């Protein structure tokens, strides 16, 4: 292996040559505390930056095993190291100057959630540490400026590594607190099913966000306080006793006036499927990891989904047990979203009345008197929500602001009053007696069928050139086919969206063979990710991009919205 001195001499030889000569730097170089690998060199100073990786042996990194003995702790430590390196890199980014992206030094930009990323990997056995970054190789016009690159590789990066990736130089107490928080969060997740709960919101949590474009906590917000009837006390490994609101499994209704915090609470539950960093305000807001936010999604693609539980006997005779649409309505899209979430294995649906199709959610008494049930092909969610829980074990948390019909079927009713929750179940049930539901209970629906066996799509086979592009959190495109992901509200990071594009391509190339069902294909993909990590998705020679792992539920959702899916 070459050394950092060899790299220095190489840069001296390359200075002032044409920019493509930078490709000679590809390879690995031994520095005193780590190995620097130049994995991909950009072809132009205005192109996507070069991809590099830093490898620190377990002996050099020196992180104590107790900091990452649990998977959740290892994930949290990787996240913390990525953030630390990012802060150090920001001090030096663009200090080396030149044209285009010259001087850029960047790693993944982590948000409030703790996610598994390709940016940083800590080997659970050896303790070896890998960190990936991007660097804009400096140029004057399209001429190599190797002196400026030398500043980055030989001066700035060693300082970043020393200040962020070596245990001996870090705040041991801070890292121990990160590991302890992760273990406490995992303890809450494990306690939920044992206590018959689908979510927990700790007292003192700050749920409102600073703004619509900032996920940081709002200053001066009202701290959350559990109503006495729903208060649960947990004993955590490190924090000790913690009290908060436990949301029982079953059907929970969140009601209240406008701007009183209903949707804010629901949003906190949506992202409660992820752990959050200290100081976020929602560190101890934990929801069932399989929870899915459901909404209407006009215009989405549906591929042979069995929505007959909710939609049947259409006037045009279309088969709703294998429903197909290129331009679904609000009701059919929401029905498909519910059934596809069941296929993905969810145990909790999160629904906001404001983003739902009205005719899917409820039909009032007057409408039912005028339009009889046998004339209406839509069975509203109101008539199936109890069946979903009692027959399939799928709980629902529903925000309602205008329809009181759900008072009849809800197990628990929470009123948000100026961001403070109150249990009004007894009151609401008593008042609901004056407004009985008009229709007799329905017969149980036939169990939805999930025997969909996709075929591979032409043009995406192994070895074929595919243009894959992520568009923030809005979607991904494979060649000319765009998958619209704007309404997957639990996607927390654009790197998850990018990973979904790679997941879709991997499924097409290796797992969708006409024999496996969608569920079996996703099962196998998840096994690959568990065994080999996100890197298994990347078959390019240009280095591993920044990716964050999506949940199983979002992988299903992406596949279901792919218009090129052949069934």
Protein backbone atom coordinates (compact mmCIF):
# COMPACT_ATOMS: atom_id res chain seq x y z
CA UNK A 1 0.00 0.00 0.00
CA UNK A 2 1.18 3.51 -0.78
CA UNK A 3 1.71 6.06 1.98
CA UNK A 4 0.65 9.65 2.44
CA UNK A 5 4.15 10.66 1.31
CA UNK A 6 3.55 8.85 -1.99
CA UNK A 7 0.30 10.77 -2.35
CA UNK A 8 2.09 14.05 -1.71
CA UNK A 9 4.67 13.30 -4.41
CA UNK A 10 1.95 12.22 -6.83
CA UNK A 11 0.08 15.49 -6.35
CA UNK A 12 3.29 17.42 -7.04
CA UNK A 13 3.63 15.58 -10.36
CA UNK A 14 -0.01 16.17 -11.31
CA UNK A 15 -0.07 19.91 -10.63
CA UNK A 16 -1.12 22.05 -13.61
CA UNK A 17 -1.97 19.06 -15.80
CA UNK A 18 -5.37 18.54 -17.44
CA UNK A 19 -8.16 17.68 -15.00
CA UNK A 20 -8.62 14.04 -16.17
CA UNK A 21 -5.12 13.28 -14.83
CA UNK A 22 -6.63 13.39 -11.34
CA UNK A 23 -7.75 9.81 -12.02
CA UNK A 24 -4.18 8.72 -11.25
CA UNK A 25 -4.89 9.41 -7.57
CA UNK A 26 -7.33 6.50 -7.31
CA UNK A 27 -6.16 4.02 -4.71
CA UNK A 28 -5.43 3.70 -0.99
CA UNK A 29 -2.88 5.61 1.07
CA UNK A 30 -1.67 4.86 4.58
CA UNK A 31 -1.73 7.78 7.00
CA UNK A 32 -0.51 7.51 10.62
CA UNK A 33 -4.00 6.80 12.05
CA UNK A 34 -6.04 5.69 9.07
CA UNK A 35 -6.13 4.65 5.43
CA UNK A 36 -7.50 7.12 2.89
CA UNK A 37 -9.11 5.57 -0.18
CA UNK A 38 -9.91 7.62 -3.26
CA UNK A 39 -12.73 5.51 -4.71
CA UNK A 40 -14.05 7.66 -7.55
CA UNK A 41 -12.60 10.75 -9.16
CA UNK A 42 -14.90 13.25 -10.82
CA UNK A 43 -14.25 13.83 -14.50
CA UNK A 44 -14.73 17.57 -14.35
CA UNK A 45 -14.62 20.27 -11.63
CA UNK A 46 -18.30 21.00 -12.34
CA UNK A 47 -19.36 17.32 -12.10
CA UNK A 48 -20.55 15.46 -9.01
CA UNK A 49 -17.70 15.50 -6.45
CA UNK A 50 -15.18 12.72 -5.97
CA UNK A 51 -15.96 9.94 -3.51
CA UNK A 52 -13.48 9.08 -0.79
CA UNK A 53 -13.48 6.83 2.25
CA UNK A 54 -11.53 6.81 5.49
CA UNK A 55 -10.73 3.47 7.14
CA UNK A 56 -9.69 3.41 10.81
CA UNK A 57 -8.74 0.08 12.35
CA UNK A 58 -10.48 -0.92 15.55
CA UNK A 59 -7.23 -0.61 17.46
CA UNK A 60 -6.67 2.93 16.25
CA UNK A 61 -10.28 4.05 16.60
CA UNK A 62 -10.38 2.62 20.11
CA UNK A 63 -14.10 2.81 20.82
CA UNK A 64 -15.03 0.69 23.86
CA UNK A 65 -17.18 -2.31 23.04
CA UNK A 66 -19.85 -1.35 25.56
CA UNK A 67 -20.66 1.73 23.48
CA UNK A 68 -22.01 -0.41 20.64
CA UNK A 69 -22.84 -3.82 22.09
CA UNK A 70 -26.47 -3.44 20.98
CA UNK A 71 -27.49 -2.79 17.33
CA UNK A 72 -29.37 0.35 18.37
CA UNK A 73 -26.26 1.67 20.12
CA UNK A 74 -24.04 0.97 17.12
CA UNK A 75 -26.50 2.84 14.90
CA UNK A 76 -26.52 5.80 17.30
CA UNK A 77 -22.72 5.87 17.54
CA UNK A 78 -22.38 5.80 13.74
CA UNK A 79 -24.85 8.66 13.56
CA UNK A 80 -22.97 10.69 16.17
CA UNK A 81 -19.61 10.19 14.45
CA UNK A 82 -21.09 11.24 11.11
CA UNK A 83 -22.41 14.42 12.69
CA UNK A 84 -19.08 15.13 14.38
CA UNK A 85 -17.10 14.63 11.19
CA UNK A 86 -19.63 16.78 9.32
CA UNK A 87 -19.14 19.67 11.74
CA UNK A 88 -15.39 19.43 11.37
CA UNK A 89 -15.60 19.19 7.58
CA UNK A 90 -17.80 22.30 7.47
CA UNK A 91 -14.92 24.30 8.98
CA UNK A 92 -12.69 23.48 6.03
CA UNK A 93 -15.16 23.13 3.17
CA UNK A 94 -14.30 25.50 0.30
CA UNK A 95 -11.20 26.75 2.11
CA UNK A 96 -9.33 25.25 -0.82
CA UNK A 97 -10.49 27.35 -3.75
CA UNK A 98 -10.97 26.92 -7.46
CA UNK A 99 -13.62 26.54 -10.14
CA UNK A 100 -16.82 24.51 -9.92
CA UNK A 101 -17.08 22.46 -6.73
CA UNK A 102 -13.41 22.89 -5.89
CA UNK A 103 -12.78 22.62 -2.18
CA UNK A 104 -16.03 20.96 -1.16
CA UNK A 105 -15.74 18.56 1.80
CA UNK A 106 -19.03 16.94 2.74
CA UNK A 107 -20.62 13.96 4.45
CA UNK A 108 -24.27 13.03 4.92
CA UNK A 109 -26.31 15.86 6.43
CA UNK A 110 -28.15 14.17 9.28
CA UNK A 111 -31.52 15.43 10.44
CA UNK A 112 -33.26 14.88 13.77
CA UNK A 113 -33.72 11.14 13.19
CA UNK A 114 -31.10 8.46 13.76
CA UNK A 115 -30.83 6.45 10.54
CA UNK A 116 -28.63 3.68 9.24
CA UNK A 117 -26.43 5.26 6.55
CA UNK A 118 -23.66 4.30 4.18
CA UNK A 119 -21.79 7.40 5.40
CA UNK A 120 -20.43 5.63 8.47
CA UNK A 121 -20.06 1.95 9.35
CA UNK A 122 -18.66 0.54 12.58
CA UNK A 123 -17.86 -3.16 12.43
CA UNK A 124 -19.52 -4.83 15.40
CA UNK A 125 -16.82 -7.49 15.61
CA UNK A 126 -13.50 -5.77 14.97
CA UNK A 127 -14.46 -2.19 15.81
CA UNK A 128 -13.06 -1.06 12.45
CA UNK A 129 -14.52 2.26 11.34
CA UNK A 130 -15.38 3.35 7.80
CA UNK A 131 -16.45 6.87 6.92
CA UNK A 132 -17.41 8.00 3.42
CA UNK A 133 -17.20 11.57 2.20
CA UNK A 134 -17.26 13.69 -0.93
CA UNK A 135 -14.52 16.09 -1.98
CA UNK A 136 -14.49 18.57 -4.83
CA UNK A 137 -11.03 18.18 -6.35
CA UNK A 138 -9.72 21.74 -6.95
CA UNK A 139 -9.04 23.16 -10.40
CA UNK A 140 -8.24 26.42 -12.11
CA UNK A 141 -10.64 26.26 -15.00
CA UNK A 142 -10.07 22.65 -16.06
CA UNK A 143 -6.46 22.54 -14.94
CA UNK A 144 -5.46 20.58 -11.84
CA UNK A 145 -4.66 22.65 -8.78
CA UNK A 146 -2.91 19.94 -6.80
CA UNK A 147 -1.57 22.31 -4.18
CA UNK A 148 -5.12 23.07 -3.06
CA UNK A 149 -6.03 19.37 -3.08
CA UNK A 150 -2.94 18.75 -0.97
CA UNK A 151 -4.36 21.10 1.66
CA UNK A 152 -7.54 19.01 1.79
CA UNK A 153 -6.02 15.54 1.77
CA UNK A 154 -2.85 16.16 3.77
CA UNK A 155 -3.91 18.90 6.18
CA UNK A 156 -7.67 19.33 6.57
CA UNK A 157 -8.76 15.68 6.55
CA UNK A 158 -6.19 14.54 9.16
CA UNK A 159 -7.52 17.27 11.46
CA UNK A 160 -11.11 16.15 10.85
CA UNK A 161 -10.24 12.53 11.58
CA UNK A 162 -8.36 13.38 14.77
CA UNK A 163 -11.22 15.53 16.06
CA UNK A 164 -14.08 13.17 15.26
CA UNK A 165 -13.10 9.54 14.69
CA UNK A 166 -10.54 8.71 17.37
CA UNK A 167 -11.86 7.79 20.82
CA UNK A 168 -8.84 9.21 22.63
CA UNK A 169 -9.69 12.74 21.43
CA UNK A 170 -13.44 12.69 22.07
CA UNK A 171 -15.77 13.46 24.97
CA UNK A 172 -16.31 10.04 26.53
CA UNK A 173 -19.29 11.26 28.56
CA UNK A 174 -21.05 12.60 25.50
CA UNK A 175 -20.62 9.33 23.58
CA UNK A 176 -21.79 7.31 26.58
CA UNK A 177 -24.91 9.49 26.76
CA UNK A 178 -25.61 8.76 23.08
CA UNK A 179 -25.33 5.01 23.69
CA UNK A 180 -27.46 5.20 26.84
CA UNK A 181 -30.23 7.15 25.08
CA UNK A 182 -30.34 4.57 22.29
CA UNK A 183 -30.66 1.73 24.80
CA UNK A 184 -33.45 3.56 26.64
CA UNK A 185 -35.32 4.17 23.39
CA UNK A 186 -35.01 0.49 22.50
CA UNK A 187 -36.29 -0.45 25.94
CA UNK A 188 -39.45 1.59 25.32
CA UNK A 189 -39.96 -0.09 21.93
CA UNK A 190 -39.67 -3.51 23.51
CA UNK A 191 -42.03 -2.56 26.34
CA UNK A 192 -44.88 -1.34 24.10
CA UNK A 193 -46.31 -4.74 23.00
CA UNK A 194 -45.88 -6.18 26.48
CA UNK A 195 -48.04 -3.38 27.88
CA UNK A 196 -50.62 -3.59 25.11
CA UNK A 197 -49.55 -0.20 23.72
CA UNK A 198 -48.92 0.99 20.18
CA UNK A 199 -47.21 4.28 21.14
CA UNK A 200 -45.74 6.23 24.05
CA UNK A 201 -45.28 10.00 24.45
CA UNK A 202 -43.17 11.03 27.44
CA UNK A 203 -44.16 13.89 29.70
CA UNK A 204 -42.06 16.95 28.95
CA UNK A 205 -41.74 16.16 25.25
CA UNK A 206 -41.73 19.13 22.89
CA UNK A 207 -43.86 18.14 19.90
CA UNK A 208 -44.25 21.37 17.85
CA UNK A 209 -41.49 22.12 15.35
CA UNK A 210 -39.77 25.47 14.84
CA UNK A 211 -41.32 26.00 11.41
CA UNK A 212 -42.54 24.24 8.31
CA UNK A 213 -38.96 24.08 7.01
CA UNK A 214 -37.21 23.24 10.29
CA UNK A 215 -37.58 20.04 12.28
CA UNK A 216 -35.90 21.52 15.34
CA UNK A 217 -38.10 21.98 18.43
CA UNK A 218 -40.15 25.15 18.75
CA UNK A 219 -38.93 27.54 21.41
CA UNK A 220 -41.52 28.30 24.08
CA UNK A 221 -43.74 25.38 23.09
CA UNK A 222 -46.06 23.79 25.65
CA UNK A 223 -44.42 20.64 27.08
CA UNK A 224 -46.52 17.50 26.69
CA UNK A 225 -48.35 16.20 29.75
CA UNK A 226 -50.21 12.90 29.82
CA UNK A 227 -53.81 12.76 30.99
CA UNK A 228 -54.07 10.83 34.23
CA UNK A 229 -56.19 8.08 32.65
CA UNK A 230 -53.50 7.23 30.08
CA UNK A 231 -50.41 7.77 32.22
CA UNK A 232 -47.84 4.97 32.07
CA UNK A 233 -44.58 4.76 34.01
CA UNK A 234 -41.64 2.87 32.54
CA UNK A 235 -38.34 1.98 34.21
CA UNK A 236 -35.55 2.54 31.69
CA UNK A 237 -32.01 1.10 31.97
CA UNK A 238 -30.30 4.51 32.24
CA UNK A 239 -32.84 7.30 32.71
CA UNK A 240 -34.77 5.32 35.27
CA UNK A 241 -38.47 5.98 35.75
CA UNK A 242 -40.21 7.96 33.03
CA UNK A 243 -43.91 8.78 32.82
CA UNK A 244 -45.93 9.59 29.73
CA UNK A 245 -49.04 8.84 27.74
CA UNK A 246 -49.43 5.27 26.58
CA UNK A 247 -51.72 4.85 23.58
CA UNK A 248 -53.38 1.43 23.86
CA UNK A 249 -53.75 -0.89 20.92
CA UNK A 250 -57.16 -0.62 19.30
CA UNK A 251 -58.87 2.48 17.94
CA UNK A 252 -57.81 5.86 19.28
CA UNK A 253 -59.47 9.10 18.22
CA UNK A 254 -57.70 12.47 18.54
CA UNK A 255 -60.13 15.39 18.46
CA UNK A 256 -60.20 19.08 19.32
CA UNK A 257 -60.48 22.52 17.81
CA UNK A 258 -58.32 23.80 14.99
CA UNK A 259 -54.72 24.72 15.91
CA UNK A 260 -54.93 22.92 19.26
CA UNK A 261 -52.27 20.31 18.42
CA UNK A 262 -54.10 17.30 16.93
CA UNK A 263 -51.96 17.02 13.80
CA UNK A 264 -48.84 17.93 15.77
CA UNK A 265 -49.37 14.91 18.00
CA UNK A 266 -50.05 12.69 14.99
CA UNK A 267 -46.91 13.94 13.25
CA UNK A 268 -44.84 13.11 16.32
CA UNK A 269 -46.26 9.57 16.21
CA UNK A 270 -45.49 9.31 12.48
CA UNK A 271 -41.79 9.97 13.03
CA UNK A 272 -41.83 8.01 16.29
CA UNK A 273 -40.97 4.99 14.17
CA UNK A 274 -37.41 6.37 14.28
CA UNK A 275 -35.17 7.21 17.23
CA UNK A 276 -34.34 10.91 17.64
CA UNK A 277 -31.23 12.68 18.83
CA UNK A 278 -30.93 14.28 22.26
CA UNK A 279 -32.41 17.77 22.31
CA UNK A 280 -34.97 17.06 19.61
CA UNK A 281 -37.84 17.16 22.09
CA UNK A 282 -39.22 13.85 20.81
CA UNK A 283 -36.46 11.57 22.11
CA UNK A 284 -39.02 9.58 24.10
CA UNK A 285 -41.86 9.65 21.59
CA UNK A 286 -41.90 6.04 20.42
CA UNK A 287 -44.41 4.44 18.07
CA UNK A 288 -44.84 0.91 16.75
CA UNK A 289 -41.99 0.55 14.26
CA UNK A 290 -44.37 -0.75 11.59
CA UNK A 291 -46.75 2.24 11.81
CA UNK A 292 -47.88 3.69 8.47
CA UNK A 293 -49.41 7.10 7.77
CA UNK A 294 -52.38 6.61 5.44
CA UNK A 295 -53.90 9.29 3.22
CA UNK A 296 -55.72 9.83 -0.05
CA UNK A 297 -53.39 9.99 -3.02
CA UNK A 298 -55.26 11.06 -6.13
CA UNK A 299 -53.60 9.98 -9.35
CA UNK A 300 -51.38 7.22 -7.97
CA UNK A 301 -50.74 3.98 -9.78
CA UNK A 302 -52.32 0.79 -8.41
CA UNK A 303 -51.18 -2.65 -9.56
CA UNK A 304 -53.56 -5.58 -8.96
CA UNK A 305 -54.28 -4.71 -5.32
CA UNK A 306 -57.24 -6.36 -3.58
CA UNK A 307 -59.33 -3.42 -2.38
CA UNK A 308 -62.60 -5.39 -2.22
CA UNK A 309 -62.71 -4.92 1.56
CA UNK A 310 -63.60 -1.29 0.87
CA UNK A 311 -64.62 -1.05 -2.80
CA UNK A 312 -66.78 -3.60 -4.60
CA UNK A 313 -69.57 -4.03 -7.13
CA UNK A 314 -68.45 -1.17 -9.34
CA UNK A 315 -71.01 -0.16 -12.02
CA UNK A 316 -68.49 -0.86 -14.78
CA UNK A 317 -67.89 -4.36 -13.44
CA UNK A 318 -64.17 -3.87 -12.77
CA UNK A 319 -62.56 -6.49 -10.56
CA UNK A 320 -61.65 -4.87 -7.24
CA UNK A 321 -60.00 -8.02 -5.93
CA UNK A 322 -57.14 -7.26 -8.34
CA UNK A 323 -57.69 -3.57 -8.95
CA UNK A 324 -55.61 -1.74 -11.54
CA UNK A 325 -55.51 2.00 -12.13
CA UNK A 326 -53.11 4.50 -13.65
CA UNK A 327 -55.01 7.41 -12.11
CA UNK A 328 -56.67 6.34 -8.87
CA UNK A 329 -59.31 8.45 -7.16
CA UNK A 330 -59.01 9.61 -3.57
CA UNK A 331 -61.12 6.76 -2.20
CA UNK A 332 -59.53 3.96 -4.26
CA UNK A 333 -56.03 5.24 -3.52
CA UNK A 334 -56.70 5.34 0.21
CA UNK A 335 -58.25 1.88 0.11
CA UNK A 336 -55.16 0.58 -1.70
CA UNK A 337 -52.89 2.31 0.82
CA UNK A 338 -54.62 0.53 3.71
CA UNK A 339 -54.49 -2.92 2.11
CA UNK A 340 -50.90 -2.52 0.89
CA UNK A 341 -49.87 -1.48 4.41
CA UNK A 342 -51.42 -4.67 5.71
CA UNK A 343 -49.44 -6.58 3.09
CA UNK A 344 -46.28 -4.86 4.34
CA UNK A 345 -47.01 -6.06 7.87
CA UNK A 346 -48.16 -2.92 9.64
CA UNK A 347 -49.77 -3.10 13.07
CA UNK A 348 -50.72 0.58 13.29
CA UNK A 349 -52.42 2.96 10.87
CA UNK A 350 -52.09 6.72 11.39
CA UNK A 351 -54.76 8.80 9.66
CA UNK A 352 -55.56 12.51 9.54
CA UNK A 353 -59.08 13.35 8.43
CA UNK A 354 -57.74 16.47 6.67
CA UNK A 355 -55.74 14.41 4.14
CA UNK A 356 -58.32 11.66 3.68
CA UNK A 357 -61.02 11.10 1.07
CA UNK A 358 -64.29 12.01 2.77
CA UNK A 359 -66.32 9.29 1.05
CA UNK A 360 -63.75 6.70 2.08
CA UNK A 361 -63.83 7.69 5.73
CA UNK A 362 -67.56 8.06 6.49
CA UNK A 363 -71.10 8.46 5.11
CA UNK A 364 -73.40 10.49 7.32
CA UNK A 365 -76.90 9.42 8.32
CA UNK A 366 -78.75 11.61 5.84
CA UNK A 367 -76.64 10.42 2.91
CA UNK A 368 -77.27 6.79 3.89
CA UNK A 369 -81.01 7.42 3.96
CA UNK A 370 -80.97 8.96 0.49
CA UNK A 371 -78.36 6.65 -1.10
CA UNK A 372 -78.93 3.14 0.22
CA UNK A 373 -75.98 0.90 1.06
CA UNK A 374 -76.65 -1.46 -1.86
CA UNK A 375 -76.30 1.50 -4.23
CA UNK A 376 -72.91 2.59 -2.87
CA UNK A 377 -69.79 0.60 -3.90
CA UNK A 378 -67.65 2.17 -1.16
CA UNK A 379 -67.66 0.65 2.30
CA UNK A 380 -66.31 3.47 4.47
CA UNK A 381 -63.35 2.98 6.77
CA UNK A 382 -65.70 3.60 9.70
CA UNK A 383 -67.39 0.27 8.98
CA UNK A 384 -64.10 -1.68 8.77
CA UNK A 385 -61.86 -0.06 11.40
CA UNK A 386 -63.09 -2.35 14.19
CA UNK A 387 -62.71 -5.41 11.97
CA UNK A 388 -59.15 -4.39 11.09
CA UNK A 389 -58.21 -4.49 14.75
CA UNK A 390 -60.19 -7.48 15.98
CA UNK A 391 -59.50 -9.72 12.99
CA UNK A 392 -56.09 -8.56 11.75
CA UNK A 393 -54.55 -6.88 14.80
CA UNK A 394 -54.20 -3.53 13.04
CA UNK A 395 -54.72 -0.58 15.39
CA UNK A 396 -55.69 2.91 14.22
CA UNK A 397 -54.93 6.39 15.54
CA UNK A 398 -57.21 8.85 13.78
CA UNK A 399 -57.30 12.64 13.92
CA UNK A 400 -60.88 13.84 13.42
CA UNK A 401 -62.14 17.39 13.45
CA UNK A 402 -65.56 17.25 11.82
CA UNK A 403 -67.05 13.76 12.02
CA UNK A 404 -68.35 12.46 15.34
CA UNK A 405 -69.35 9.07 13.90
CA UNK A 406 -66.02 7.57 15.02
CA UNK A 407 -66.98 8.19 18.66
CA UNK A 408 -69.05 5.01 18.39
CA UNK A 409 -66.19 2.73 17.34
CA UNK A 410 -63.26 4.32 19.20
CA UNK A 411 -61.77 2.62 22.26
CA UNK A 412 -60.17 5.82 23.48
CA UNK A 413 -60.88 9.47 22.66
CA UNK A 414 -58.25 12.13 23.34
CA UNK A 415 -59.07 15.83 23.10
CA UNK A 416 -56.19 18.22 22.39
CA UNK A 417 -56.88 21.49 24.22
CA UNK A 418 -54.16 24.13 23.67
CA UNK A 419 -51.61 21.34 23.10
CA UNK A 420 -52.66 19.56 26.30
CA UNK A 421 -54.28 16.09 25.90
CA UNK A 422 -57.42 15.16 27.82
CA UNK A 423 -59.15 11.80 27.96
CA UNK A 424 -62.79 12.50 27.08
CA UNK A 425 -63.80 8.92 26.26
CA UNK A 426 -66.66 8.73 28.77
CA UNK A 427 -68.09 12.11 27.75
CA UNK A 428 -67.89 11.40 24.04
CA UNK A 429 -69.45 7.95 24.38
CA UNK A 430 -72.30 9.38 26.42
CA UNK A 431 -73.01 12.13 23.89
CA UNK A 432 -72.76 9.65 20.98
CA UNK A 433 -75.75 7.74 22.34
CA UNK A 434 -77.98 10.56 21.11
CA UNK A 435 -76.67 10.05 17.56
CA UNK A 436 -76.80 6.28 16.86
CA UNK A 437 -75.24 4.90 13.72
CA UNK A 438 -78.04 4.24 11.22
CA UNK A 439 -76.88 1.09 9.54
CA UNK A 440 -76.66 -2.45 10.86
CA UNK A 441 -73.15 -3.95 11.19
CA UNK A 442 -71.65 -5.35 8.01
CA UNK A 443 -70.65 -8.92 7.39
CA UNK A 444 -66.85 -9.38 7.66
CA UNK A 445 -65.01 -8.78 4.40
CA UNK A 446 -63.18 -11.55 2.60
CA UNK A 447 -59.54 -11.66 3.65
CA UNK A 448 -57.49 -9.62 1.16
CA UNK A 449 -55.30 -11.60 -1.18
CA UNK A 450 -51.60 -10.82 -1.40
CA UNK A 451 -50.58 -13.28 -4.10
CA UNK A 452 -49.01 -10.77 -6.48
CA UNK A 453 -45.95 -12.10 -8.33
CA UNK A 454 -44.17 -9.37 -10.32
CA UNK A 455 -42.12 -10.02 -13.42
CA UNK A 456 -38.85 -8.15 -14.12
CA UNK A 457 -39.19 -5.00 -16.21
CA UNK A 458 -37.47 -4.89 -19.59
CA UNK A 459 -34.54 -2.51 -19.80
CA UNK A 460 -33.55 -2.83 -16.14
CA UNK A 461 -31.74 -6.17 -16.26
CA UNK A 462 -28.35 -6.89 -14.76
CA UNK A 463 -25.61 -5.36 -16.89
CA UNK A 464 -27.97 -2.94 -18.63
CA UNK A 465 -27.21 0.74 -18.22
CA UNK A 466 -29.84 2.43 -16.01
CA UNK A 467 -30.05 6.10 -15.14
CA UNK A 468 -31.16 6.36 -11.51
CA UNK A 469 -31.94 9.76 -10.05
CA UNK A 470 -33.34 10.81 -6.67
CA UNK A 471 -35.37 14.01 -6.37
CA UNK A 472 -35.05 14.89 -2.71
CA UNK A 473 -37.89 13.24 -0.82
CA UNK A 474 -40.31 13.68 -3.73
CA UNK A 475 -39.43 10.62 -5.77
CA UNK A 476 -36.95 8.63 -7.80
CA UNK A 477 -36.66 7.89 -11.49
CA UNK A 478 -35.40 4.80 -13.27
CA UNK A 479 -34.54 5.79 -16.82
CA UNK A 480 -37.64 7.74 -17.83
CA UNK A 481 -40.04 6.28 -15.27
CA UNK A 482 -40.62 8.47 -12.21
CA UNK A 483 -41.95 7.01 -8.96
CA UNK A 484 -43.89 9.67 -7.08
CA UNK A 485 -43.13 9.41 -3.35
CA UNK A 486 -44.36 12.83 -2.22
CA UNK A 487 -47.11 11.36 -0.07
CA UNK A 488 -44.92 8.92 1.85
CA UNK A 489 -44.85 11.29 4.79
CA UNK A 490 -42.67 9.11 6.99
CA UNK A 491 -39.66 9.40 4.70
CA UNK A 492 -37.33 11.48 6.85
CA UNK A 493 -34.37 12.02 4.54
CA UNK A 494 -33.58 12.34 0.84
CA UNK A 495 -30.96 9.61 1.27
CA UNK A 496 -33.78 7.20 2.10
CA UNK A 497 -35.44 8.16 -1.17
CA UNK A 498 -32.18 7.53 -3.03
CA UNK A 499 -31.92 4.14 -1.33
CA UNK A 500 -35.47 3.31 -2.44
CA UNK A 501 -34.34 3.84 -6.02
CA UNK A 502 -31.52 1.37 -5.50
CA UNK A 503 -33.90 -1.05 -3.73
CA UNK A 504 -36.28 -0.90 -6.68
CA UNK A 505 -33.48 -1.57 -9.14
CA UNK A 506 -32.12 -4.45 -7.03
CA UNK A 507 -35.58 -5.99 -6.81
CA UNK A 508 -36.00 -5.72 -10.58
CA UNK A 509 -32.63 -7.29 -11.31
CA UNK A 510 -32.46 -10.04 -8.73
CA UNK A 511 -35.75 -10.79 -6.98
CA UNK A 512 -38.79 -10.11 -9.18
CA UNK A 513 -38.87 -13.31 -11.21
CA UNK A 514 -42.58 -14.11 -11.47
CA UNK A 515 -42.27 -16.78 -8.78
CA UNK A 516 -41.87 -14.67 -5.65
CA UNK A 517 -44.75 -12.63 -4.27
CA UNK A 518 -44.13 -8.96 -3.49
CA UNK A 519 -43.86 -9.88 0.19
CA UNK A 520 -41.36 -12.67 -0.44
CA UNK A 521 -39.23 -10.42 -2.64
CA UNK A 522 -39.10 -7.69 0.01
CA UNK A 523 -38.35 -10.30 2.70
CA UNK A 524 -35.35 -11.43 0.68
CA UNK A 525 -34.20 -7.86 0.06
CA UNK A 526 -34.34 -7.11 3.77
CA UNK A 527 -32.28 -10.22 4.48
CA UNK A 528 -29.65 -8.98 2.03
CA UNK A 529 -29.60 -5.57 3.73
CA UNK A 530 -29.24 -7.17 7.15
CA UNK A 531 -26.40 -9.38 5.99
CA UNK A 532 -24.47 -7.02 3.73
CA UNK A 533 -25.77 -3.53 4.47
CA UNK A 534 -26.91 -0.85 2.07
CA UNK A 535 -23.69 -1.28 0.13
CA UNK A 536 -25.16 -4.49 -1.32
CA UNK A 537 -27.50 -2.35 -3.43
CA UNK A 538 -24.68 -0.53 -5.22
CA UNK A 539 -23.28 -2.28 -8.25
CA UNK A 540 -21.48 0.74 -9.71
CA UNK A 541 -17.70 1.04 -9.78
CA UNK A 542 -17.88 4.74 -8.97
CA UNK A 543 -18.02 4.27 -5.20
CA UNK A 544 -20.88 3.92 -2.77
CA UNK A 545 -23.22 6.95 -2.68
CA UNK A 546 -24.79 8.45 0.42
CA UNK A 547 -27.82 6.30 1.26
CA UNK A 548 -30.02 5.90 4.34
CA UNK A 549 -32.01 2.77 5.00
CA UNK A 550 -35.76 2.99 4.39
CA UNK A 551 -38.21 0.88 6.34
CA UNK A 552 -39.89 -2.19 4.94
CA UNK A 553 -43.11 -0.20 4.67
CA UNK A 554 -41.56 2.41 2.37
CA UNK A 555 -39.95 -0.28 0.20
CA UNK A 556 -43.39 -1.80 -0.34
CA UNK A 557 -44.86 1.64 -1.02
CA UNK A 558 -42.20 2.49 -3.59
CA UNK A 559 -42.67 -0.79 -5.41
CA UNK A 560 -46.45 -0.37 -5.41
CA UNK A 561 -46.18 3.11 -6.94
CA UNK A 562 -43.84 2.03 -9.73
CA UNK A 563 -45.88 2.24 -12.92
CA UNK A 564 -43.52 -0.14 -14.67
CA UNK A 565 -44.35 -3.00 -12.27
CA UNK A 566 -45.38 -6.01 -14.34
CA UNK A 567 -48.00 -8.24 -12.72
